[in-house]
């Protein structure tokens, strides 16, 4: 069984579930999971986890994301993007580039966003888009999202091309809609490209056809990232050999059970996350340091004793 992460370039016309289904056929493996939905007409980075790396799915879903999008002002649709039914077209009037930029800049920071009806979010066990297709609109609660940065790349009104770095759960369609409403001309998302999810970037992503070619040549391992690659910014520590069984079973690990890197002089800080390995450098999991008790407690396991002995 393959274990690791593939940085997939999701092409237009595919859902995230379609990508997983196709990969199962290409790789001949059932245990595969994606790390968050992308609309069928959206493109870009979609990390896909294989085997034991599926334990990473929730952690990668929580990562911040970066998108390139085109906001089309003056057009409002039921889906908040250009694929939907047009509800209103009113033009932009005397709107200036300066007014549009000032409005967009106001969205940097935390703001409350109302999830769109055409989304995979569930209410009372039903996906919103299923209800929307039946003409049913239900009450939704606004959710706090964070826009870390918006960089305006090009303005040719009524279109504005921009790069958005945001928190998980942010709907770029809704951001475009909200900007349009505030400018009193309406707006929708014309295109969307996801360029980054955590440490996964667009320039390193591969299309399904490319993955198929690597598999056919027996070279999938060349593009399959190991699980611990996602956590390369965290400090690495190893468990002393005589205490490895405790780590494999997810027990708390006193600091004295760890082998420190002799080149690493800095002390552990409270709540610091670290990558924990055994003496043979098998990646065990992510642990968090408790300064008061001077021990590490498990956050996410990726290896058990049986696997380590294989």
C-alpha atoms as a PDB file:
ATOM      1  CA  UNK A   1       0.000   0.000   0.000  1.00  0.00           C
ATOM      2  CA  UNK A   2       1.219   3.494  -0.890  1.00  0.00           C
ATOM      3  CA  UNK A   3       1.541   5.956   1.998  1.00  0.00           C
ATOM      4  CA  UNK A   4       2.093   9.652   1.334  1.00  0.00           C
ATOM      5  CA  UNK A   5       0.678  12.790  -0.260  1.00  0.00           C
ATOM      6  CA  UNK A   6       0.241  13.720  -3.917  1.00  0.00           C
ATOM      7  CA  UNK A   7       0.038  17.376  -4.886  1.00  0.00           C
ATOM      8  CA  UNK A   8      -2.677  17.167  -7.537  1.00  0.00           C
ATOM      9  CA  UNK A   9      -3.600  19.899  -9.996  1.00  0.00           C
ATOM     10  CA  UNK A  10      -7.398  19.630 -10.112  1.00  0.00           C
ATOM     11  CA  UNK A  11      -8.576  20.493 -13.572  1.00  0.00           C
ATOM     12  CA  UNK A  12     -11.887  22.064 -14.561  1.00  0.00           C
ATOM     13  CA  UNK A  13     -14.847  19.710 -14.767  1.00  0.00           C
ATOM     14  CA  UNK A  14     -13.748  17.449 -11.921  1.00  0.00           C
ATOM     15  CA  UNK A  15     -15.058  17.469  -8.365  1.00  0.00           C
ATOM     16  CA  UNK A  16     -12.647  16.606  -5.553  1.00  0.00           C
ATOM     17  CA  UNK A  17     -14.461  13.257  -5.251  1.00  0.00           C
ATOM     18  CA  UNK A  18     -13.914  12.653  -8.977  1.00  0.00           C
ATOM     19  CA  UNK A  19     -10.169  13.120  -8.475  1.00  0.00           C
ATOM     20  CA  UNK A  20     -10.119  10.555  -5.656  1.00  0.00           C
ATOM     21  CA  UNK A  21     -12.160   8.084  -7.698  1.00  0.00           C
ATOM     22  CA  UNK A  22      -9.840   8.404 -10.697  1.00  0.00           C
ATOM     23  CA  UNK A  23      -6.737   8.039  -8.528  1.00  0.00           C
ATOM     24  CA  UNK A  24      -8.127   4.835  -7.022  1.00  0.00           C
ATOM     25  CA  UNK A  25      -8.302   3.443 -10.536  1.00  0.00           C
ATOM     26  CA  UNK A  26      -4.843   4.703 -11.498  1.00  0.00           C
ATOM     27  CA  UNK A  27      -3.004   3.636  -8.348  1.00  0.00           C
ATOM     28  CA  UNK A  28      -5.136   0.510  -7.676  1.00  0.00           C
ATOM     29  CA  UNK A  29      -5.641   1.456  -4.053  1.00  0.00           C
ATOM     30  CA  UNK A  30      -8.836   2.202  -2.132  1.00  0.00           C
ATOM     31  CA  UNK A  31      -7.464   4.102   0.847  1.00  0.00           C
ATOM     32  CA  UNK A  32      -7.260   7.618  -0.620  1.00  0.00           C
ATOM     33  CA  UNK A  33      -8.751  10.876   0.660  1.00  0.00           C
ATOM     34  CA  UNK A  34      -8.799  14.495  -0.450  1.00  0.00           C
ATOM     35  CA  UNK A  35      -8.200  17.518   1.753  1.00  0.00           C
ATOM     36  CA  UNK A  36     -11.073  19.840   0.926  1.00  0.00           C
ATOM     37  CA  UNK A  37     -13.507  20.526  -1.858  1.00  0.00           C
ATOM     38  CA  UNK A  38     -12.946  22.650  -4.932  1.00  0.00           C
ATOM     39  CA  UNK A  39     -15.878  23.620  -7.155  1.00  0.00           C
ATOM     40  CA  UNK A  40     -15.973  21.720 -10.487  1.00  0.00           C
ATOM     41  CA  UNK A  41     -15.129  24.900 -12.432  1.00  0.00           C
ATOM     42  CA  UNK A  42     -12.269  25.805 -10.090  1.00  0.00           C
ATOM     43  CA  UNK A  43      -8.705  24.681 -10.741  1.00  0.00           C
ATOM     44  CA  UNK A  44      -5.531  24.264  -8.787  1.00  0.00           C
ATOM     45  CA  UNK A  45      -3.878  22.642  -5.811  1.00  0.00           C
ATOM     46  CA  UNK A  46      -5.621  19.679  -4.198  1.00  0.00           C
ATOM     47  CA  UNK A  47      -3.430  17.611  -1.854  1.00  0.00           C
ATOM     48  CA  UNK A  48      -4.556  13.979  -1.878  1.00  0.00           C
ATOM     49  CA  UNK A  49      -3.550  11.555   0.877  1.00  0.00           C
ATOM     50  CA  UNK A  50      -2.772   7.879   0.355  1.00  0.00           C
ATOM     51  CA  UNK A  51      -2.758   5.063   2.911  1.00  0.00           C
ATOM     52  CA  UNK A  52      -1.737   6.104   6.409  1.00  0.00           C
ATOM     53  CA  UNK A  53      -1.406   9.675   5.198  1.00  0.00           C
ATOM     54  CA  UNK A  54      -5.237   9.863   5.182  1.00  0.00           C
ATOM     55  CA  UNK A  55      -4.825  10.619   8.893  1.00  0.00           C
ATOM     56  CA  UNK A  56      -3.539  13.968   7.654  1.00  0.00           C
ATOM     57  CA  UNK A  57      -6.720  14.956   5.807  1.00  0.00           C
ATOM     58  CA  UNK A  58      -8.264  16.962   8.645  1.00  0.00           C
ATOM     59  CA  UNK A  59      -4.962  18.695   9.425  1.00  0.00           C
ATOM     60  CA  UNK A  60      -4.460  19.754   5.808  1.00  0.00           C
ATOM     61  CA  UNK A  61      -8.056  20.939   5.535  1.00  0.00           C
ATOM     62  CA  UNK A  62      -7.273  23.313   8.409  1.00  0.00           C
ATOM     63  CA  UNK A  63      -4.347  24.917   6.538  1.00  0.00           C
ATOM     64  CA  UNK A  64      -4.558  28.436   5.115  1.00  0.00           C
ATOM     65  CA  UNK A  65      -5.025  28.706   1.363  1.00  0.00           C
ATOM     66  CA  UNK A  66      -4.157  31.110  -1.456  1.00  0.00           C
ATOM     67  CA  UNK A  67      -6.305  31.746  -4.520  1.00  0.00           C
ATOM     68  CA  UNK A  68      -6.184  33.782  -7.701  1.00  0.00           C
ATOM     69  CA  UNK A  69      -9.648  34.945  -8.675  1.00  0.00           C
ATOM     70  CA  UNK A  70     -11.416  37.318 -11.012  1.00  0.00           C
ATOM     71  CA  UNK A  71     -14.253  39.386  -9.539  1.00  0.00           C
ATOM     72  CA  UNK A  72     -16.838  40.471 -12.094  1.00  0.00           C
ATOM     73  CA  UNK A  73     -18.712  43.522 -10.840  1.00  0.00           C
ATOM     74  CA  UNK A  74     -22.211  44.431 -11.957  1.00  0.00           C
ATOM     75  CA  UNK A  75     -23.487  40.852 -12.178  1.00  0.00           C
ATOM     76  CA  UNK A  76     -25.235  38.910  -9.400  1.00  0.00           C
ATOM     77  CA  UNK A  77     -25.980  35.174  -9.694  1.00  0.00           C
ATOM     78  CA  UNK A  78     -27.702  32.572  -7.526  1.00  0.00           C
ATOM     79  CA  UNK A  79     -24.474  30.582  -7.105  1.00  0.00           C
ATOM     80  CA  UNK A  80     -22.303  33.683  -6.563  1.00  0.00           C
ATOM     81  CA  UNK A  81     -20.150  32.655  -9.522  1.00  0.00           C
ATOM     82  CA  UNK A  82     -20.448  33.056 -13.280  1.00  0.00           C
ATOM     83  CA  UNK A  83     -21.881  29.551 -13.770  1.00  0.00           C
ATOM     84  CA  UNK A  84     -25.112  30.390 -11.955  1.00  0.00           C
ATOM     85  CA  UNK A  85     -28.387  31.902 -13.054  1.00  0.00           C
ATOM     86  CA  UNK A  86     -28.115  35.664 -13.422  1.00  0.00           C
ATOM     87  CA  UNK A  87     -30.316  37.396 -10.886  1.00  0.00           C
ATOM     88  CA  UNK A  88     -29.393  40.975 -11.726  1.00  0.00           C
ATOM     89  CA  UNK A  89     -27.205  42.944 -14.115  1.00  0.00           C
ATOM     90  CA  UNK A  90     -26.930  46.613 -13.349  1.00  0.00           C
ATOM     91  CA  UNK A  91     -23.522  47.798 -14.461  1.00  0.00           C
ATOM     92  CA  UNK A  92     -21.030  49.619 -12.266  1.00  0.00           C
ATOM     93  CA  UNK A  93     -22.158  53.194 -12.864  1.00  0.00           C
ATOM     94  CA  UNK A  94     -19.567  55.782 -11.892  1.00  0.00           C
ATOM     95  CA  UNK A  95     -17.548  53.391  -9.740  1.00  0.00           C
ATOM     96  CA  UNK A  96     -13.840  54.232  -9.764  1.00  0.00           C
ATOM     97  CA  UNK A  97     -10.832  51.958  -9.374  1.00  0.00           C
ATOM     98  CA  UNK A  98      -9.912  53.776  -6.160  1.00  0.00           C
ATOM     99  CA  UNK A  99     -13.335  53.122  -4.620  1.00  0.00           C
ATOM    100  CA  UNK A 100     -13.192  49.445  -5.572  1.00  0.00           C
ATOM    101  CA  UNK A 101      -9.681  49.038  -4.127  1.00  0.00           C
ATOM    102  CA  UNK A 102     -10.630  50.744  -0.871  1.00  0.00           C
ATOM    103  CA  UNK A 103     -13.633  48.468  -0.477  1.00  0.00           C
ATOM    104  CA  UNK A 104     -11.592  45.325  -1.125  1.00  0.00           C
ATOM    105  CA  UNK A 105      -8.891  46.399   1.329  1.00  0.00           C
ATOM    106  CA  UNK A 106     -11.557  46.603   4.021  1.00  0.00           C
ATOM    107  CA  UNK A 107     -12.003  42.828   3.902  1.00  0.00           C
ATOM    108  CA  UNK A 108      -8.485  42.106   5.092  1.00  0.00           C
ATOM    109  CA  UNK A 109      -8.768  40.772   8.623  1.00  0.00           C
ATOM    110  CA  UNK A 110     -11.583  38.832  10.276  1.00  0.00           C
ATOM    111  CA  UNK A 111     -15.108  39.095   8.974  1.00  0.00           C
ATOM    112  CA  UNK A 112     -18.364  37.163   9.252  1.00  0.00           C
ATOM    113  CA  UNK A 113     -19.294  35.316   6.092  1.00  0.00           C
ATOM    114  CA  UNK A 114     -22.635  33.707   5.291  1.00  0.00           C
ATOM    115  CA  UNK A 115     -22.031  30.322   3.606  1.00  0.00           C
ATOM    116  CA  UNK A 116     -23.664  30.186   0.157  1.00  0.00           C
ATOM    117  CA  UNK A 117     -26.593  27.874  -0.536  1.00  0.00           C
ATOM    118  CA  UNK A 118     -24.640  26.335  -3.397  1.00  0.00           C
ATOM    119  CA  UNK A 119     -22.006  24.705  -1.170  1.00  0.00           C
ATOM    120  CA  UNK A 120     -21.213  21.275   0.284  1.00  0.00           C
ATOM    121  CA  UNK A 121     -21.870  22.512   3.832  1.00  0.00           C
ATOM    122  CA  UNK A 122     -24.453  20.374   5.616  1.00  0.00           C
ATOM    123  CA  UNK A 123     -27.491  21.628   7.556  1.00  0.00           C
ATOM    124  CA  UNK A 124     -29.503  18.987   9.394  1.00  0.00           C
ATOM    125  CA  UNK A 125     -27.652  16.288   7.477  1.00  0.00           C
ATOM    126  CA  UNK A 126     -28.428  17.710   4.029  1.00  0.00           C
ATOM    127  CA  UNK A 127     -25.892  19.358   1.743  1.00  0.00           C
ATOM    128  CA  UNK A 128     -26.883  22.913   0.984  1.00  0.00           C
ATOM    129  CA  UNK A 129     -26.424  22.574  -2.767  1.00  0.00           C
ATOM    130  CA  UNK A 130     -28.883  19.662  -2.819  1.00  0.00           C
ATOM    131  CA  UNK A 131     -31.500  21.857  -1.169  1.00  0.00           C
ATOM    132  CA  UNK A 132     -30.655  24.795  -3.446  1.00  0.00           C
ATOM    133  CA  UNK A 133     -31.243  22.651  -6.545  1.00  0.00           C
ATOM    134  CA  UNK A 134     -34.736  21.905  -5.195  1.00  0.00           C
ATOM    135  CA  UNK A 135     -35.388  25.614  -4.801  1.00  0.00           C
ATOM    136  CA  UNK A 136     -35.160  25.396  -1.023  1.00  0.00           C
ATOM    137  CA  UNK A 137     -33.269  28.037   0.936  1.00  0.00           C
ATOM    138  CA  UNK A 138     -32.568  27.423   4.609  1.00  0.00           C
ATOM    139  CA  UNK A 139     -31.295  29.659   7.363  1.00  0.00           C
ATOM    140  CA  UNK A 140     -27.517  29.585   7.750  1.00  0.00           C
ATOM    141  CA  UNK A 141     -25.351  31.022  10.467  1.00  0.00           C
ATOM    142  CA  UNK A 142     -22.559  33.407   9.615  1.00  0.00           C
ATOM    143  CA  UNK A 143     -19.067  32.099  10.289  1.00  0.00           C
ATOM    144  CA  UNK A 144     -15.937  34.017  11.138  1.00  0.00           C
ATOM    145  CA  UNK A 145     -13.243  33.716   8.487  1.00  0.00           C
ATOM    146  CA  UNK A 146      -9.945  35.533   8.165  1.00  0.00           C
ATOM    147  CA  UNK A 147      -8.525  37.190   5.076  1.00  0.00           C
ATOM    148  CA  UNK A 148      -4.794  37.460   5.674  1.00  0.00           C
ATOM    149  CA  UNK A 149      -4.105  39.474   2.555  1.00  0.00           C
ATOM    150  CA  UNK A 150      -5.631  40.574  -0.737  1.00  0.00           C
ATOM    151  CA  UNK A 151      -3.315  41.642  -3.537  1.00  0.00           C
ATOM    152  CA  UNK A 152      -4.930  43.298  -6.527  1.00  0.00           C
ATOM    153  CA  UNK A 153      -3.074  42.122  -9.615  1.00  0.00           C
ATOM    154  CA  UNK A 154      -5.065  43.895 -12.342  1.00  0.00           C
ATOM    155  CA  UNK A 155      -8.106  46.159 -12.667  1.00  0.00           C
ATOM    156  CA  UNK A 156     -10.027  46.591 -15.881  1.00  0.00           C
ATOM    157  CA  UNK A 157     -13.473  47.456 -14.596  1.00  0.00           C
ATOM    158  CA  UNK A 158     -15.832  45.699 -14.307  1.00  0.00           C
ATOM    159  CA  UNK A 159     -13.210  42.965 -13.717  1.00  0.00           C
ATOM    160  CA  UNK A 160     -10.704  42.834 -10.888  1.00  0.00           C
ATOM    161  CA  UNK A 161      -8.050  40.128 -10.771  1.00  0.00           C
ATOM    162  CA  UNK A 162      -6.776  39.511  -7.247  1.00  0.00           C
ATOM    163  CA  UNK A 163      -4.806  37.089  -5.098  1.00  0.00           C
ATOM    164  CA  UNK A 164      -6.398  36.124  -1.775  1.00  0.00           C
ATOM    165  CA  UNK A 165      -4.661  34.453   1.172  1.00  0.00           C
ATOM    166  CA  UNK A 166      -7.296  33.249   3.628  1.00  0.00           C
ATOM    167  CA  UNK A 167      -8.208  30.883   6.431  1.00  0.00           C
ATOM    168  CA  UNK A 168      -9.948  27.552   6.037  1.00  0.00           C
ATOM    169  CA  UNK A 169     -13.678  27.733   5.393  1.00  0.00           C
ATOM    170  CA  UNK A 170     -13.490  30.928   3.343  1.00  0.00           C
ATOM    171  CA  UNK A 171     -15.706  30.992   0.252  1.00  0.00           C
ATOM    172  CA  UNK A 172     -14.075  33.133  -2.414  1.00  0.00           C
ATOM    173  CA  UNK A 173     -17.399  33.219  -4.282  1.00  0.00           C
ATOM    174  CA  UNK A 174     -19.012  34.763  -1.239  1.00  0.00           C
ATOM    175  CA  UNK A 175     -16.163  37.228  -0.810  1.00  0.00           C
ATOM    176  CA  UNK A 176     -16.732  38.406  -4.403  1.00  0.00           C
ATOM    177  CA  UNK A 177     -20.488  38.600  -3.779  1.00  0.00           C
ATOM    178  CA  UNK A 178     -20.023  40.588  -0.554  1.00  0.00           C
ATOM    179  CA  UNK A 179     -17.665  43.074  -2.211  1.00  0.00           C
ATOM    180  CA  UNK A 180     -20.190  43.587  -5.002  1.00  0.00           C
ATOM    181  CA  UNK A 181     -23.025  44.151  -2.545  1.00  0.00           C
ATOM    182  CA  UNK A 182     -20.997  46.689  -0.576  1.00  0.00           C
ATOM    183  CA  UNK A 183     -20.190  48.554  -3.799  1.00  0.00           C
ATOM    184  CA  UNK A 184     -23.948  48.554  -4.584  1.00  0.00           C
ATOM    185  CA  UNK A 185     -23.481  47.093  -8.031  1.00  0.00           C
ATOM    186  CA  UNK A 186     -23.392  43.393  -7.263  1.00  0.00           C
ATOM    187  CA  UNK A 187     -20.630  41.000  -8.159  1.00  0.00           C
ATOM    188  CA  UNK A 188     -19.754  37.384  -8.747  1.00  0.00           C
ATOM    189  CA  UNK A 189     -16.685  35.208  -9.129  1.00  0.00           C
ATOM    190  CA  UNK A 190     -15.673  34.700 -12.756  1.00  0.00           C
ATOM    191  CA  UNK A 191     -12.757  32.299 -12.254  1.00  0.00           C
ATOM    192  CA  UNK A 192     -10.845  30.611  -9.440  1.00  0.00           C
ATOM    193  CA  UNK A 193      -7.374  29.086  -9.239  1.00  0.00           C
ATOM    194  CA  UNK A 194      -6.059  27.701  -5.944  1.00  0.00           C
ATOM    195  CA  UNK A 195      -2.325  28.264  -5.887  1.00  0.00           C
ATOM    196  CA  UNK A 196      -1.389  27.063  -2.408  1.00  0.00           C
ATOM    197  CA  UNK A 197      -2.601  24.853   0.444  1.00  0.00           C
ATOM    198  CA  UNK A 198      -0.221  25.007   3.392  1.00  0.00           C
ATOM    199  CA  UNK A 199       3.166  23.896   2.059  1.00  0.00           C
ATOM    200  CA  UNK A 200       1.728  22.608  -1.238  1.00  0.00           C
ATOM    201  CA  UNK A 201       2.218  24.998  -4.151  1.00  0.00           C
ATOM    202  CA  UNK A 202       0.886  25.246  -7.688  1.00  0.00           C
ATOM    203  CA  UNK A 203       4.250  24.926  -9.459  1.00  0.00           C
ATOM    204  CA  UNK A 204       4.784  21.493  -7.870  1.00  0.00           C
ATOM    205  CA  UNK A 205       1.312  20.114  -8.643  1.00  0.00           C
ATOM    206  CA  UNK A 206       0.661  17.345 -11.178  1.00  0.00           C
ATOM    207  CA  UNK A 207      -2.358  16.581 -13.335  1.00  0.00           C
ATOM    208  CA  UNK A 208      -4.009  13.152 -13.212  1.00  0.00           C
ATOM    209  CA  UNK A 209      -2.564  12.277 -16.612  1.00  0.00           C
ATOM    210  CA  UNK A 210       0.946  12.910 -15.291  1.00  0.00           C
ATOM    211  CA  UNK A 211       0.298  10.729 -12.232  1.00  0.00           C
ATOM    212  CA  UNK A 212      -0.928   7.987 -14.553  1.00  0.00           C
ATOM    213  CA  UNK A 213       2.324   8.210 -16.531  1.00  0.00           C
ATOM    214  CA  UNK A 214       4.460   7.990 -13.370  1.00  0.00           C
ATOM    215  CA  UNK A 215       2.490   4.900 -12.294  1.00  0.00           C
ATOM    216  CA  UNK A 216       2.821   3.240 -15.693  1.00  0.00           C
ATOM    217  CA  UNK A 217       6.591   3.723 -15.533  1.00  0.00           C
ATOM    218  CA  UNK A 218       6.779   2.456 -11.931  1.00  0.00           C
ATOM    219  CA  UNK A 219       7.977   5.835 -10.652  1.00  0.00           C
ATOM    220  CA  UNK A 220       5.127   6.965  -8.404  1.00  0.00           C
ATOM    221  CA  UNK A 221       7.522   7.149  -5.434  1.00  0.00           C
ATOM    222  CA  UNK A 222       9.319  10.021  -7.171  1.00  0.00           C
ATOM    223  CA  UNK A 223       6.311  12.327  -6.755  1.00  0.00           C
ATOM    224  CA  UNK A 224       4.773  10.879  -3.580  1.00  0.00           C
ATOM    225  CA  UNK A 225       5.673  13.074  -0.622  1.00  0.00           C
ATOM    226  CA  UNK A 226       6.273  11.376   2.747  1.00  0.00           C
ATOM    227  CA  UNK A 227       3.887  12.263   5.552  1.00  0.00           C
ATOM    228  CA  UNK A 228       6.480  14.135   7.596  1.00  0.00           C
ATOM    229  CA  UNK A 229       7.207  16.506   4.681  1.00  0.00           C
ATOM    230  CA  UNK A 230       4.088  18.416   5.674  1.00  0.00           C
ATOM    231  CA  UNK A 231       5.640  19.172   9.068  1.00  0.00           C
ATOM    232  CA  UNK A 232       9.154  20.088   7.984  1.00  0.00           C
ATOM    233  CA  UNK A 233       8.949  23.439   9.788  1.00  0.00           C
ATOM    234  CA  UNK A 234       8.563  21.648  13.143  1.00  0.00           C
ATOM    235  CA  UNK A 235      11.543  20.613  15.219  1.00  0.00           C
ATOM    236  CA  UNK A 236      12.618  16.966  14.979  1.00  0.00           C
ATOM    237  CA  UNK A 237      13.246  14.802  18.079  1.00  0.00           C
ATOM    238  CA  UNK A 238      13.973  11.084  18.435  1.00  0.00           C
ATOM    239  CA  UNK A 239      12.817   8.721  21.164  1.00  0.00           C
ATOM    240  CA  UNK A 240      15.561   6.759  22.887  1.00  0.00           C
ATOM    241  CA  UNK A 241      15.395   3.150  21.714  1.00  0.00           C
ATOM    242  CA  UNK A 242      14.444   1.706  25.104  1.00  0.00           C
ATOM    243  CA  UNK A 243      11.340   3.951  25.253  1.00  0.00           C
ATOM    244  CA  UNK A 244      10.093   3.555  21.682  1.00  0.00           C
ATOM    245  CA  UNK A 245       7.217   1.235  22.601  1.00  0.00           C
ATOM    246  CA  UNK A 246       5.677   4.029  24.675  1.00  0.00           C
ATOM    247  CA  UNK A 247       5.765   6.323  21.668  1.00  0.00           C
ATOM    248  CA  UNK A 248       4.285   3.700  19.322  1.00  0.00           C
ATOM    249  CA  UNK A 249       1.330   3.339  21.700  1.00  0.00           C
ATOM    250  CA  UNK A 250       0.743   7.081  21.964  1.00  0.00           C
ATOM    251  CA  UNK A 251       1.804   7.438  25.596  1.00  0.00           C
ATOM    252  CA  UNK A 252       3.116  10.615  27.148  1.00  0.00           C
ATOM    253  CA  UNK A 253       6.881  10.914  26.785  1.00  0.00           C
ATOM    254  CA  UNK A 254       8.982  12.606  29.477  1.00  0.00           C
ATOM    255  CA  UNK A 255      11.546  14.952  28.007  1.00  0.00           C
ATOM    256  CA  UNK A 256      14.368  12.779  29.371  1.00  0.00           C
ATOM    257  CA  UNK A 257      13.210   9.960  27.048  1.00  0.00           C
ATOM    258  CA  UNK A 258      14.159  12.052  24.040  1.00  0.00           C
ATOM    259  CA  UNK A 259      17.468  12.222  22.223  1.00  0.00           C
ATOM    260  CA  UNK A 260      18.244  15.852  21.510  1.00  0.00           C
ATOM    261  CA  UNK A 261      20.042  17.087  18.450  1.00  0.00           C
ATOM    262  CA  UNK A 262      23.480  18.152  19.781  1.00  0.00           C
ATOM    263  CA  UNK A 263      23.406  21.142  17.419  1.00  0.00           C
ATOM    264  CA  UNK A 264      20.069  22.290  18.869  1.00  0.00           C
ATOM    265  CA  UNK A 265      20.650  24.362  22.009  1.00  0.00           C
ATOM    266  CA  UNK A 266      17.278  26.058  22.382  1.00  0.00           C
ATOM    267  CA  UNK A 267      14.860  24.750  24.982  1.00  0.00           C
ATOM    268  CA  UNK A 268      11.399  23.457  24.168  1.00  0.00           C
ATOM    269  CA  UNK A 269       8.652  25.973  24.746  1.00  0.00           C
ATOM    270  CA  UNK A 270       5.183  25.325  26.125  1.00  0.00           C
ATOM    271  CA  UNK A 271       2.717  24.006  23.528  1.00  0.00           C
ATOM    272  CA  UNK A 272       5.504  23.568  20.948  1.00  0.00           C
ATOM    273  CA  UNK A 273       4.730  20.927  18.340  1.00  0.00           C
ATOM    274  CA  UNK A 274       7.521  18.551  17.324  1.00  0.00           C
ATOM    275  CA  UNK A 275       8.059  15.702  14.863  1.00  0.00           C
ATOM    276  CA  UNK A 276       8.831  12.511  16.790  1.00  0.00           C
ATOM    277  CA  UNK A 277      10.885   9.668  15.267  1.00  0.00           C
ATOM    278  CA  UNK A 278      12.224   6.369  16.575  1.00  0.00           C
ATOM    279  CA  UNK A 279      15.916   5.433  16.608  1.00  0.00           C
ATOM    280  CA  UNK A 280      15.732   4.201  13.000  1.00  0.00           C
ATOM    281  CA  UNK A 281      14.096   7.478  11.986  1.00  0.00           C
ATOM    282  CA  UNK A 282      10.652   6.056  11.373  1.00  0.00           C
ATOM    283  CA  UNK A 283       8.229   8.957  11.680  1.00  0.00           C
ATOM    284  CA  UNK A 284       5.916   8.233  14.632  1.00  0.00           C
ATOM    285  CA  UNK A 285       3.783  11.355  14.810  1.00  0.00           C
ATOM    286  CA  UNK A 286       3.237  14.883  16.039  1.00  0.00           C
ATOM    287  CA  UNK A 287       3.560  15.529  19.764  1.00  0.00           C
ATOM    288  CA  UNK A 288       3.046  18.719  21.787  1.00  0.00           C
ATOM    289  CA  UNK A 289       5.304  19.788  24.664  1.00  0.00           C
ATOM    290  CA  UNK A 290       3.868  20.377  28.158  1.00  0.00           C
ATOM    291  CA  UNK A 291       6.361  22.677  29.854  1.00  0.00           C
ATOM    292  CA  UNK A 292       4.824  22.220  33.314  1.00  0.00           C
ATOM    293  CA  UNK A 293       5.140  18.436  33.243  1.00  0.00           C
ATOM    294  CA  UNK A 294       8.195  18.477  30.978  1.00  0.00           C
ATOM    295  CA  UNK A 295       6.739  15.833  28.726  1.00  0.00           C
ATOM    296  CA  UNK A 296       5.303  15.379  25.250  1.00  0.00           C
ATOM    297  CA  UNK A 297       1.730  14.295  24.566  1.00  0.00           C
ATOM    298  CA  UNK A 298       0.531  12.899  21.250  1.00  0.00           C
ATOM    299  CA  UNK A 299      -1.521  14.984  18.823  1.00  0.00           C
ATOM    300  CA  UNK A 300      -1.547  12.739  15.747  1.00  0.00           C
ATOM    301  CA  UNK A 301      -0.084   9.258  15.291  1.00  0.00           C
ATOM    302  CA  UNK A 302       1.250   8.011  11.963  1.00  0.00           C
ATOM    303  CA  UNK A 303       3.142   4.864  12.993  1.00  0.00           C
ATOM    304  CA  UNK A 304       2.524   2.006  15.422  1.00  0.00           C
ATOM    305  CA  UNK A 305       4.857  -0.674  16.736  1.00  0.00           C
ATOM    306  CA  UNK A 306       3.639  -3.337  14.326  1.00  0.00           C
ATOM    307  CA  UNK A 307       4.360  -1.092  11.329  1.00  0.00           C
ATOM    308  CA  UNK A 308       7.766  -0.102  12.697  1.00  0.00           C
ATOM    309  CA  UNK A 309       8.782  -3.762  12.922  1.00  0.00           C
ATOM    310  CA  UNK A 310       7.819  -4.523   9.315  1.00  0.00           C
END
